[in-house]
Amino acid sequence: MNEHIDEITLRQFATDSLSEQQQLSLLEHIAQCDQCAMKYSEIMEEHLIKAPIAMKDSIMEQKDAIQQADNKKYFVFYRYCTKVGIGMVASLLLLFGNPSIFNRIDSFPKKTQIESIKLRDSVQQKLKEIENQFVFKEDFL
């Protein structure tokens, strides 16, 4: 088909009134000819079913609901990340912000060692006193 397709043939194609061979040759021509493709799209536009007016509003409402749900998810995630970040900053400030903490940490084991040594010495001294008491009692038996 080297010539342009007439409007009657295009309308027959739109209503599925052509044979398979005619449909194939028509589609091959439309694929190569912009002018016939434009005519075909205009005719096909007449056969389209118009969408109900309320359909657009319904689709837009659904789109808005999906968008709100996504925004809520992002907000929850943002809030969680903010809490984690604040917790990390607070823990780092507690750990590194007060230099006297390191002094207490360094001195804690020394004090504990000294106290434990004093306690050990006093326990040993008491044990020796008790031992001495038993020794003297055995001598008298």
Protein backbone atom coordinates (compact mmCIF):
# COMPACT_ATOMS: atom_id res chain seq x y z
CA MET A 1 0.00 0.00 0.00
CA ASN A 2 1.87 3.05 -1.26
CA GLU A 3 -1.09 5.44 -1.27
CA HIS A 4 -2.60 6.99 1.82
CA ILE A 5 -5.45 5.09 3.42
CA ASP A 6 -8.89 6.64 2.98
CA GLU A 7 -11.12 7.43 5.94
CA ILE A 8 -13.69 4.76 5.08
CA THR A 9 -11.05 1.99 5.27
CA LEU A 10 -9.76 3.37 8.58
CA ARG A 11 -13.29 3.37 10.01
CA GLN A 12 -13.77 -0.23 8.85
CA PHE A 13 -10.51 -1.13 10.60
CA ALA A 14 -11.67 0.63 13.77
CA THR A 15 -14.91 -1.40 13.76
CA ASP A 16 -13.02 -4.63 12.94
CA SER A 17 -14.71 -5.04 9.53
CA LEU A 18 -11.57 -5.86 7.50
CA SER A 19 -10.05 -9.25 6.81
CA GLU A 20 -6.83 -10.28 8.55
CA GLN A 21 -4.74 -9.68 5.42
CA GLN A 22 -6.21 -6.19 4.98
CA GLN A 23 -5.63 -5.40 8.66
CA LEU A 24 -1.98 -6.47 8.46
CA SER A 25 -1.26 -4.40 5.36
CA LEU A 26 -3.07 -1.41 6.91
CA LEU A 27 -1.02 -1.70 10.14
CA GLU A 28 2.22 -1.94 8.15
CA HIS A 29 1.31 1.23 6.25
CA ILE A 30 0.29 3.09 9.45
CA ALA A 31 3.62 2.13 11.03
CA GLN A 32 5.48 3.85 8.15
CA CYS A 33 3.16 6.78 7.30
CA ASP A 34 2.77 9.55 9.85
CA GLN A 35 -0.16 11.15 8.03
CA CYS A 36 -2.22 7.93 8.05
CA ALA A 37 -1.23 7.23 11.66
CA MET A 38 -2.56 10.68 12.63
CA LYS A 39 -5.86 10.03 10.77
CA TYR A 40 -6.13 6.61 12.44
CA SER A 41 -5.58 8.09 15.93
CA GLU A 42 -8.30 10.69 15.32
CA ILE A 43 -10.78 8.01 14.26
CA MET A 44 -9.86 5.77 17.20
CA GLU A 45 -10.36 8.70 19.56
CA GLU A 46 -14.02 8.82 18.50
CA HIS A 47 -14.45 5.18 19.54
CA LEU A 48 -12.96 5.62 22.99
CA ILE A 49 -15.27 5.41 25.97
CA LYS A 50 -15.26 8.53 28.07
CA ALA A 51 -14.33 8.03 31.69
CA PRO A 52 -16.90 9.02 34.31
CA ILE A 53 -16.42 12.50 35.74
CA ALA A 54 -16.18 11.19 39.31
CA MET A 55 -13.39 8.81 38.33
CA LYS A 56 -10.79 11.56 38.30
CA ASP A 57 -11.81 12.71 41.77
CA SER A 58 -11.70 9.12 43.04
CA ILE A 59 -8.23 8.56 41.61
CA MET A 60 -6.98 11.85 43.04
CA GLU A 61 -8.36 10.95 46.50
CA GLN A 62 -6.61 7.58 46.38
CA LYS A 63 -3.40 9.27 45.27
CA ASP A 64 -3.66 11.74 48.16
CA ALA A 65 -4.31 8.92 50.65
CA ILE A 66 -1.27 7.01 49.40
CA GLN A 67 0.83 10.16 49.58
CA GLN A 68 -0.30 10.85 53.15
CA ALA A 69 0.54 7.28 54.17
CA ASP A 70 3.99 7.64 52.63
CA ASN A 71 4.51 10.97 54.38
CA LYS A 72 3.51 9.38 57.69
CA LYS A 73 6.04 6.58 57.16
CA TYR A 74 8.77 9.11 56.41
CA PHE A 75 7.80 11.15 59.49
CA VAL A 76 7.92 8.07 61.75
CA PHE A 77 11.29 7.09 60.30
CA TYR A 78 12.60 10.66 60.68
CA ARG A 79 11.41 10.78 64.30
CA TYR A 80 13.08 7.42 65.05
CA CYS A 81 16.36 8.58 63.48
CA THR A 82 16.19 11.82 65.44
CA LYS A 83 15.72 9.94 68.73
CA VAL A 84 18.62 7.63 67.96
CA GLY A 85 20.82 10.60 67.02
CA ILE A 86 19.94 12.50 70.18
CA GLY A 87 20.64 9.40 72.25
CA MET A 88 24.03 8.96 70.62
CA VAL A 89 24.95 12.61 71.14
CA ALA A 90 23.83 12.49 74.79
CA SER A 91 25.83 9.33 75.47
CA LEU A 92 28.93 10.84 73.84
CA LEU A 93 28.51 14.02 75.88
CA LEU A 94 28.19 12.01 79.06
CA LEU A 95 31.22 9.97 78.20
CA PHE A 96 33.53 12.67 76.89
CA GLY A 97 31.94 15.94 78.01
CA ASN A 98 32.88 15.91 81.69
CA PRO A 99 36.62 15.44 82.35
CA SER A 100 36.02 14.79 86.06
CA ILE A 101 34.43 11.49 85.08
CA PHE A 102 37.83 10.25 83.97
CA ASN A 103 39.34 11.34 87.28
CA ARG A 104 36.70 9.39 89.16
CA ILE A 105 37.16 6.36 86.94
CA ASP A 106 40.93 6.45 87.39
CA SER A 107 40.71 6.92 91.15
CA PHE A 108 37.99 4.36 91.73
CA PRO A 109 40.14 1.23 91.41
CA LYS A 110 42.91 2.77 93.57
CA LYS A 111 40.49 3.61 96.37
CA THR A 112 38.94 0.20 96.06
CA GLN A 113 42.34 -1.44 96.21
CA ILE A 114 43.35 0.53 99.28
CA GLU A 115 40.04 -0.23 100.98
CA SER A 116 40.28 -3.90 100.11
CA ILE A 117 43.85 -4.06 101.41
CA LYS A 118 42.77 -2.41 104.67
CA LEU A 119 39.84 -4.81 104.95
CA ARG A 120 42.11 -7.80 104.26
CA ASP A 121 44.59 -6.62 106.87
CA SER A 122 41.90 -6.12 109.48
CA VAL A 123 40.40 -9.56 108.74
CA GLN A 124 43.84 -11.17 109.03
CA GLN A 125 44.45 -9.35 112.28
CA LYS A 126 41.13 -10.56 113.70
CA LEU A 127 41.89 -14.10 112.57
CA LYS A 128 45.28 -13.97 114.33
CA GLU A 129 43.62 -12.72 117.51
CA ILE A 130 41.14 -15.59 117.39
CA GLU A 131 43.94 -18.04 116.64
CA ASN A 132 45.92 -16.74 119.60
CA GLN A 133 42.93 -17.24 121.85
CA PHE A 134 42.63 -20.86 120.75
CA VAL A 135 46.33 -21.45 121.25
CA PHE A 136 46.18 -20.24 124.82
CA LYS A 137 43.11 -22.38 125.56
CA GLU A 138 44.83 -25.48 124.23
CA ASP A 139 47.79 -24.89 126.47
CA PHE A 140 45.51 -24.96 129.49
CA LEU A 141 43.89 -28.26 128.58
